[in-house]
Amino acid sequence: MGAVPAEAGASPLAARIAAGVALVAVLAGTVALARLWSGQHSAIQNPPPSQAHFATLSPGTPLPTGAQCAALTRRVSTPENKGINKPFNQVTGHPVGNLFPAADNPSGSQELVPRIDGQFTGTTGQILRWAACKWGIDEDLVAAQAAVESWWRQTNLGDWGTDPRRCPPGHDLGVDGNKGHCPESYGILQNRYPLEQSTWPGIARSTAMNADVAYAIWRACFEGYERWLNDVERVGQYAPGDAWGCIGRWFAGRWHTAAAEQYIVKVKEYLSRKVWLNAGFQEP
């Protein structure tokens, strides 16, 4: 980028001022390019646009920070529609250790895991929007999936099993009211404790932590980091950029299998009807 010349006939002082302004512009451009380059190599350097709707960001797109998304989310008033969640909505999460299998691309652990912290409080709708912003997934898709998983209730318990080794601390067999069983899945997105032990107890105690972990895993899939999906039963070849494939993987643990497709259809149905806006969904 060349220097901007002074206007013809300008005084020497004016020329020096113009040259100074040009130098500042060049330096600013250099800094901007440096920041852009840094953003291309970091998952946390891209501030999101000021927008009313958070959309899906393509693989490789730098992601906004949780703090940036918190500021943007709170600009939109979102009344509480799930009063049962209020105590869980005011609890933040914690960092996690190993989360992704060794068969994954190491980038998942290096780039995504350090971002997980559940550091947000707000209404249930705000928390889901915050997670959507932070992990670059369409907020309506998040809302629909959370409705399928729990009807947006952080208190939801599921996948009851009989193996005591798969019960989290404090939830031994029978403790939660189902004799001889313990719940393996918890919260608004039904995070699975046996597969996510380092996220405990946050996924049960904090709505934000539950959503944070769920969509970190979705982003790992969407980025193409879950290479193990090509080593197990699947339909087609796992590859990055398939948002719906990664939604189905959350339920089935497999790539576009019949079970995954059935789940995708259910989420799409809820999405098309936007059930979270219906009167029957409101439980303030």
Foldseek 3Di string as FASTA:
>chain_A
DDFDADDPPDDPVSRVVSRVVRVVVVVVVVVVVVLVVVQLVAQASDQDDLDDWFAADAASHRAHALVSLQVSLVVDDDDAQAVLCQQQLPDFFAQFADQDDPQFACCLRVHQRRRQTRPHHDHLLSLLSSLCRRLRHTSLLSLLLLCVQPLSFQADFDDKDQDQVQADPPFGACNVPHHNIGGQFGGSNRDGCVNGVRRPPSCNRHNNNVSNVLSSQLSSQQNAGRCCLQVDDEDDHRDHRDSLQSQLCSPPVHGPDPSSVVSSVSSVVCSVVVCCPDPVSGDD
